Amino acid sequence: MGIKSWIACAIILPGIAMADSTQSIRYYVDDDGVQVATTGTATKNDTPFAIASIGKTMTAVAVLRIVGQGAIDLDGPVTRWVDGDIADGLGGLSGVTVRHLLNMTSGLPDYLSDAYIEAALGNPDRFQNPLTALSYAYDEPPVFGVGEGFDYSNTNYVLLGLILEQATGKSYAETLKSEVFAPANMTNSFVFGSTRLPANFPSGHEDGAHYRDYYEHQGFGDGGVIATAPDLAKFYEALFITGDLLPDALLDELLVDPIGEGYGMGIEVEDGLVGHSGGDLGFSSDVRMDTDDGRIAIIFHANADADTSWTFDKLLN
C-alpha cells in the first residue's frame, strides 16, 4: 500500500486539576518523526484504557480467522452454535447466519439498556456474564427481517463471542489472545475480567461517578477489550499492512458494506478511512486509519462524554 515507515507520536492531554481529573491520550502514527508531550497526569504511552466497541473489530477478525481454519461457516446458521434457550429467547434465530451477526444485518434487538447496566453494576457476579446479558433482549420484537436492513445491536457481538467459544473450545478471552493479540504482538491487551486490572488502569468517570470494579468482571464480544494505544496501532498494522491477521480474501470480506451504511464486519468504512468508535462506563475512544498511507489516529479518554472527533480531524485535514 505504499507505506514507508511506522512511527508513533503520542500526545498526552492535560488533566483537570481536581480530584476527579481524567486521563486521556492522543496517539498518532505517521512517518514524519516522533514527538511526545506529557502533562502532570499519570498517563503514559503504556497506560491501558477500556476501548469498548473498538474491540468489535477484534472479535470480527477472530471469527474470520476461525472461518479461514474451516471451523466456522460465514453463511452457516447461528443456531448451530447457540444454545436452544438463547435462540428461543431471541425469537428462534431462524435464517440468521454468522455473516448477519458480523455486519449488523440480523435485526436482533439490543440487550444493552439502562436496565442491564443498572443490574450489572448492582450485582456484577450475577449479571455481568454474556448469557444473562442476552436475556435483556429476550422477547423483544426484531428491528426488521433478517438481512433486510442495518441496526447497530451489541447483541450480535455477544453472540459472536459465544460462537467463538463453541468453535474453539476456549474462552473468549483465550481466543482473542491466541487469534488476535499474539499474532499482532499486542503485549499489553486483554479481555477484562480475565486478569486483574493493572495498577495504572485509569478510573473512568461518568456523571460524577468513577468505575473500576465493572472492569474487574467479565468482558464480552461486543466490547470487552482493554488495550494501550501502541497495541491498538499494532493491531491495525497487522490487519492492513503486514497481513499477519487475515489473508486478502478474508480482509475483503471484513470491509464489505452490504447495506450502504458505512459498516463492514465490526468496522466502520467511510471517507477513505477505516476504524471504530467506542464508549463504555467512564470511557470514550476512537481509532481511524487511512489505509492508503498507513496513518493512524487514536484517542482514548477516561470520561464517558469526551469529544473523540480529533481522529477524523487529524487524518482528513
Protein backbone atom coordinates (compact mmCIF):
# COMPACT_ATOMS: atom_id res chain seq x y z
CA MET A 1 0.00 0.00 0.00
CA GLY A 2 2.95 2.31 -0.43
CA ILE A 3 3.59 2.77 3.28
CA LYS A 4 7.07 3.82 4.32
CA SER A 5 7.89 3.51 8.00
CA TRP A 6 5.69 3.38 11.07
CA ILE A 7 6.47 5.87 13.81
CA ALA A 8 4.27 6.66 16.76
CA CYS A 9 3.65 10.13 18.09
CA ALA A 10 1.77 10.25 21.37
CA ILE A 11 0.35 13.38 22.94
CA ILE A 12 -0.90 13.17 26.49
CA LEU A 13 -3.75 15.58 27.03
CA PRO A 14 -3.84 17.92 30.02
CA GLY A 15 -5.67 16.63 33.05
CA ILE A 16 -8.15 18.60 35.13
CA ALA A 17 -6.59 19.90 38.33
CA MET A 18 -9.09 18.37 40.73
CA ALA A 19 -9.87 15.08 42.44
CA ASP A 20 -11.89 13.74 39.52
CA SER A 21 -9.31 14.60 36.87
CA THR A 22 -9.38 12.26 33.88
CA GLN A 23 -6.66 10.63 31.87
CA SER A 24 -6.51 10.67 28.09
CA ILE A 25 -4.17 10.16 25.20
CA ARG A 26 -3.98 11.14 21.55
CA TYR A 27 -1.79 8.77 19.59
CA TYR A 28 -0.75 9.46 16.03
CA VAL A 29 1.19 7.15 13.74
CA ASP A 30 3.00 8.72 10.79
CA ASP A 31 6.36 8.67 9.04
CA ASP A 32 7.38 12.23 9.96
CA GLY A 33 9.13 11.60 13.29
CA VAL A 34 8.39 11.16 16.96
CA GLN A 35 7.12 13.95 19.21
CA VAL A 36 5.86 13.30 22.72
CA ALA A 37 4.33 15.87 25.07
CA THR A 38 3.23 14.94 28.58
CA THR A 39 1.49 16.77 31.40
CA GLY A 40 1.12 16.26 35.11
CA THR A 41 -1.34 13.40 34.69
CA ALA A 42 -0.28 9.80 35.23
CA THR A 43 -0.99 8.85 31.60
CA LYS A 44 1.83 7.34 29.56
CA ASN A 45 2.05 5.52 26.24
CA ASP A 46 1.59 2.20 28.03
CA THR A 47 -1.48 3.26 30.03
CA PRO A 48 -4.28 0.76 29.27
CA PHE A 49 -7.79 2.01 28.54
CA ALA A 50 -11.14 0.31 28.07
CA ILE A 51 -11.64 0.60 24.30
CA ALA A 52 -15.27 -0.57 24.28
CA SER A 53 -16.72 -1.15 20.79
CA ILE A 54 -13.35 -0.72 19.10
CA GLY A 55 -12.98 -4.33 20.23
CA LYS A 56 -15.75 -5.41 17.84
CA THR A 57 -13.21 -5.29 15.03
CA MET A 58 -11.03 -7.70 17.01
CA THR A 59 -13.97 -10.06 17.55
CA ALA A 60 -14.73 -9.95 13.83
CA VAL A 61 -11.10 -10.68 12.96
CA ALA A 62 -11.03 -13.63 15.37
CA VAL A 63 -14.20 -15.03 13.78
CA LEU A 64 -12.77 -14.63 10.28
CA ARG A 65 -9.55 -16.36 11.30
CA ILE A 66 -11.60 -19.33 12.54
CA VAL A 67 -13.58 -19.19 9.28
CA GLY A 68 -10.25 -19.43 7.48
CA GLN A 69 -9.44 -22.54 9.51
CA GLY A 70 -12.69 -24.13 8.36
CA ALA A 71 -14.33 -24.34 11.79
CA ILE A 72 -16.98 -21.64 11.18
CA ASP A 73 -19.06 -21.10 8.04
CA LEU A 74 -19.82 -17.43 7.39
CA ASP A 75 -23.16 -18.31 5.85
CA GLY A 76 -23.97 -21.14 8.22
CA PRO A 77 -26.88 -20.86 10.67
CA VAL A 78 -26.19 -19.29 14.04
CA THR A 79 -28.38 -21.96 15.64
CA ARG A 80 -25.59 -24.48 15.03
CA TRP A 81 -23.57 -22.72 17.70
CA VAL A 82 -26.12 -21.12 20.02
CA ASP A 83 -27.88 -22.85 22.91
CA GLY A 84 -31.57 -23.54 22.28
CA ASP A 85 -32.74 -21.44 25.20
CA ILE A 86 -30.85 -18.43 23.84
CA ALA A 87 -32.25 -18.99 20.36
CA ASP A 88 -35.79 -19.27 21.73
CA GLY A 89 -35.38 -16.09 23.76
CA LEU A 90 -34.20 -14.24 20.65
CA GLY A 91 -37.15 -15.33 18.53
CA GLY A 92 -35.66 -18.58 17.25
CA LEU A 93 -32.84 -17.01 15.19
CA SER A 94 -34.34 -18.58 12.07
CA GLY A 95 -32.37 -17.57 9.00
CA VAL A 96 -29.70 -15.69 10.96
CA THR A 97 -26.17 -16.51 9.82
CA VAL A 98 -22.76 -15.65 11.23
CA ARG A 99 -22.41 -13.10 8.43
CA HIS A 100 -25.61 -11.34 9.56
CA LEU A 101 -24.21 -11.01 13.07
CA LEU A 102 -20.89 -9.65 11.82
CA ASN A 103 -22.35 -6.92 9.63
CA MET A 104 -25.28 -6.00 11.91
CA THR A 105 -28.00 -7.10 9.49
CA SER A 106 -29.63 -9.72 11.74
CA GLY A 107 -32.37 -7.42 13.01
CA LEU A 108 -31.79 -8.60 16.58
CA PRO A 109 -32.73 -6.15 19.34
CA ASP A 110 -30.01 -4.69 21.55
CA TYR A 111 -29.52 -6.15 25.03
CA LEU A 112 -27.54 -3.11 26.20
CA SER A 113 -30.03 -0.98 28.10
CA ASP A 114 -30.10 1.15 31.22
CA ALA A 115 -31.80 -1.76 32.98
CA TYR A 116 -28.95 -4.13 32.17
CA ILE A 117 -26.25 -1.64 33.19
CA GLU A 118 -28.02 -0.97 36.50
CA ALA A 119 -28.26 -4.70 37.21
CA ALA A 120 -24.63 -5.33 36.25
CA LEU A 121 -23.37 -2.56 38.47
CA GLY A 122 -25.56 -3.63 41.38
CA ASN A 123 -24.63 -7.31 41.27
CA PRO A 124 -21.85 -7.99 38.72
CA ASP A 125 -21.19 -11.54 39.93
CA ARG A 126 -24.75 -12.44 38.95
CA PHE A 127 -25.47 -10.24 35.95
CA GLN A 128 -22.16 -9.49 34.23
CA ASN A 129 -21.95 -12.54 32.01
CA PRO A 130 -22.99 -12.92 28.37
CA LEU A 131 -25.85 -15.35 28.96
CA THR A 132 -27.57 -13.06 31.42
CA ALA A 133 -26.81 -10.02 29.29
CA LEU A 134 -28.52 -11.56 26.28
CA SER A 135 -31.64 -12.22 28.33
CA TYR A 136 -32.24 -8.45 28.35
CA ALA A 137 -33.06 -8.74 24.64
CA TYR A 138 -35.37 -11.73 25.03
CA ASP A 139 -38.94 -11.48 23.76
CA GLU A 140 -38.26 -8.13 22.10
CA PRO A 141 -39.52 -7.82 18.51
CA PRO A 142 -36.94 -7.85 15.72
CA VAL A 143 -35.95 -4.46 14.36
CA PHE A 144 -36.50 -5.78 10.81
CA GLY A 145 -36.49 -9.05 8.93
CA VAL A 146 -33.20 -10.92 8.71
CA GLY A 147 -30.94 -9.29 6.12
CA GLU A 148 -33.42 -6.53 5.33
CA GLY A 149 -31.62 -3.63 6.99
CA PHE A 150 -28.86 -2.44 9.29
CA ASP A 151 -29.09 -1.83 13.02
CA TYR A 152 -26.18 -1.43 15.39
CA SER A 153 -27.02 -4.00 18.04
CA ASN A 154 -24.49 -5.20 20.61
CA THR A 155 -26.44 -8.46 20.84
CA ASN A 156 -24.80 -9.57 17.56
CA TYR A 157 -21.31 -9.40 19.01
CA VAL A 158 -22.14 -11.00 22.34
CA LEU A 159 -23.41 -13.94 20.29
CA LEU A 160 -20.22 -13.93 18.22
CA GLY A 161 -18.17 -14.16 21.41
CA LEU A 162 -20.15 -17.25 22.40
CA ILE A 163 -19.77 -18.74 18.91
CA LEU A 164 -16.00 -18.31 19.17
CA GLU A 165 -16.05 -20.20 22.45
CA GLN A 166 -18.03 -23.06 20.93
CA ALA A 167 -15.86 -23.24 17.82
CA THR A 168 -12.51 -23.08 19.60
CA GLY A 169 -13.26 -24.81 22.90
CA LYS A 170 -11.61 -21.86 24.66
CA SER A 171 -12.94 -18.83 26.45
CA TYR A 172 -13.50 -15.62 24.52
CA ALA A 173 -10.53 -14.08 26.35
CA GLU A 174 -8.26 -17.01 25.47
CA THR A 175 -9.42 -16.95 21.86
CA LEU A 176 -8.66 -13.26 21.42
CA LYS A 177 -5.25 -13.81 22.98
CA SER A 178 -4.35 -16.59 20.56
CA GLU A 179 -6.09 -15.28 17.42
CA VAL A 180 -5.55 -11.52 17.72
CA PHE A 181 -3.26 -10.31 20.49
CA ALA A 182 -0.41 -12.79 19.95
CA PRO A 183 -0.17 -12.64 16.14
CA ALA A 184 -0.39 -8.83 16.23
CA ASN A 185 2.22 -8.64 19.03
CA MET A 186 -0.22 -6.84 21.32
CA THR A 187 1.56 -7.50 24.61
CA ASN A 188 -0.49 -5.13 26.78
CA SER A 189 -4.02 -6.07 25.76
CA PHE A 190 -6.56 -8.40 27.38
CA VAL A 191 -10.26 -9.03 27.86
CA PHE A 192 -11.34 -7.53 31.13
CA GLY A 193 -12.25 -10.00 33.82
CA SER A 194 -9.64 -12.47 32.57
CA THR A 195 -6.87 -10.97 34.70
CA ARG A 196 -6.50 -8.41 37.46
CA LEU A 197 -6.50 -4.83 36.30
CA PRO A 198 -3.04 -3.24 36.29
CA ALA A 199 -2.42 -0.50 38.82
CA ASN A 200 -2.17 2.12 36.08
CA PHE A 201 -5.65 1.42 34.65
CA PRO A 202 -7.47 4.79 34.79
CA SER A 203 -10.56 5.36 36.90
CA GLY A 204 -13.04 6.20 34.19
CA HIS A 205 -15.71 8.61 35.27
CA GLU A 206 -19.23 9.43 34.22
CA ASP A 207 -21.80 11.73 35.81
CA GLY A 208 -19.53 12.24 38.82
CA ALA A 209 -19.06 8.52 39.46
CA HIS A 210 -15.86 6.51 38.97
CA TYR A 211 -15.78 2.99 37.59
CA ARG A 212 -13.23 0.25 38.20
CA ASP A 213 -14.98 -2.80 39.65
CA TYR A 214 -17.04 -3.15 36.46
CA TYR A 215 -13.79 -3.80 34.58
CA GLU A 216 -12.71 -6.45 37.10
CA HIS A 217 -15.61 -8.57 35.86
CA GLN A 218 -16.29 -10.35 32.58
CA GLY A 219 -15.99 -8.60 29.23
CA PHE A 220 -17.98 -9.78 26.20
CA GLY A 221 -17.51 -9.97 22.45
CA ASP A 222 -19.19 -6.60 21.88
CA GLY A 223 -16.53 -4.53 23.64
CA GLY A 224 -14.62 -6.32 26.38
CA VAL A 225 -11.05 -5.35 25.47
CA ILE A 226 -8.60 -3.24 27.44
CA ALA A 227 -5.60 -2.08 25.40
CA THR A 228 -2.89 0.53 25.11
CA ALA A 229 -2.69 2.94 22.18
CA PRO A 230 0.52 1.37 20.81
CA ASP A 231 -1.13 -2.04 20.91
CA LEU A 232 -4.16 -0.78 19.01
CA ALA A 233 -1.85 0.69 16.38
CA LYS A 234 -0.12 -2.70 16.13
CA PHE A 235 -3.50 -4.32 15.53
CA TYR A 236 -4.27 -2.03 12.61
CA GLU A 237 -0.77 -2.50 11.19
CA ALA A 238 -1.07 -6.29 11.43
CA LEU A 239 -4.52 -6.20 9.86
CA PHE A 240 -3.99 -3.78 6.98
CA ILE A 241 -0.25 -3.56 6.38
CA THR A 242 1.69 -6.71 7.19
CA GLY A 243 -1.16 -9.16 6.62
CA ASP A 244 -0.39 -11.03 9.83
CA LEU A 245 -4.04 -11.36 10.81
CA LEU A 246 -6.10 -12.04 7.67
CA PRO A 247 -5.40 -13.11 4.09
CA ASP A 248 -6.62 -10.74 1.39
CA ALA A 249 -9.82 -12.68 0.67
CA LEU A 250 -11.00 -12.51 4.28
CA LEU A 251 -9.83 -8.92 4.65
CA ASP A 252 -12.04 -8.09 1.69
CA GLU A 253 -14.97 -9.79 3.47
CA LEU A 254 -14.30 -7.67 6.56
CA LEU A 255 -14.70 -4.47 4.56
CA VAL A 256 -17.85 -5.33 2.59
CA ASP A 257 -20.62 -2.82 3.41
CA PRO A 258 -23.74 -4.77 2.35
CA ILE A 259 -26.38 -2.17 3.17
CA GLY A 260 -24.50 1.03 2.33
CA GLU A 261 -24.39 2.15 5.96
CA GLY A 262 -20.62 2.61 6.12
CA TYR A 263 -20.22 -0.55 8.18
CA GLY A 264 -18.47 -3.79 7.30
CA MET A 265 -17.84 -6.59 9.78
CA GLY A 266 -17.23 -4.83 13.08
CA ILE A 267 -15.54 -1.91 11.36
CA GLU A 268 -16.67 1.47 10.05
CA VAL A 269 -15.69 2.34 6.48
CA GLU A 270 -16.17 5.94 5.35
CA ASP A 271 -14.37 8.94 3.87
CA GLY A 272 -11.49 6.73 2.80
CA LEU A 273 -10.87 5.73 6.42
CA VAL A 274 -11.47 2.58 8.47
CA GLY A 275 -11.91 2.39 12.22
CA HIS A 276 -14.41 2.32 15.04
CA SER A 277 -15.60 4.40 17.96
CA GLY A 278 -16.16 3.14 21.48
CA GLY A 279 -17.96 4.12 24.63
CA ASP A 280 -18.43 2.24 27.88
CA LEU A 281 -18.84 3.14 31.53
CA GLY A 282 -16.43 6.01 32.15
CA PHE A 283 -14.57 5.74 28.83
CA SER A 284 -14.67 7.16 25.30
CA SER A 285 -12.43 6.13 22.41
CA ASP A 286 -11.94 6.27 18.67
CA VAL A 287 -9.47 4.97 16.08
CA ARG A 288 -9.17 5.80 12.39
CA MET A 289 -6.72 4.61 9.77
CA ASP A 290 -6.04 5.83 6.24
CA THR A 291 -5.20 2.57 4.51
CA ASP A 292 -3.63 4.41 1.54
CA ASP A 293 -0.74 5.86 3.54
CA GLY A 294 -0.86 3.98 6.84
CA ARG A 295 -1.55 6.92 9.11
CA ILE A 296 -3.44 6.08 12.30
CA ALA A 297 -5.08 8.41 14.80
CA ILE A 298 -6.20 7.07 18.19
CA ILE A 299 -7.86 8.86 21.09
CA PHE A 300 -8.64 7.32 24.48
CA HIS A 301 -10.35 9.24 27.27
CA ALA A 302 -11.32 8.12 30.77
CA ASN A 303 -14.51 10.15 30.51
CA ALA A 304 -17.75 8.87 29.03
CA ASP A 305 -18.66 12.22 27.49
CA ALA A 306 -15.38 13.10 25.77
CA ASP A 307 -15.21 14.52 22.25
CA THR A 308 -13.34 12.00 20.09
CA SER A 309 -13.62 13.76 16.71
CA TRP A 310 -9.88 14.50 16.76
CA THR A 311 -9.16 11.26 14.92
CA PHE A 312 -11.15 12.31 11.84
CA ASP A 313 -9.80 15.86 12.03
CA LYS A 314 -6.23 14.62 12.18
CA LEU A 315 -6.49 12.38 9.13
CA LEU A 316 -8.79 14.45 6.95
CA ASN A 317 -7.36 17.93 7.49
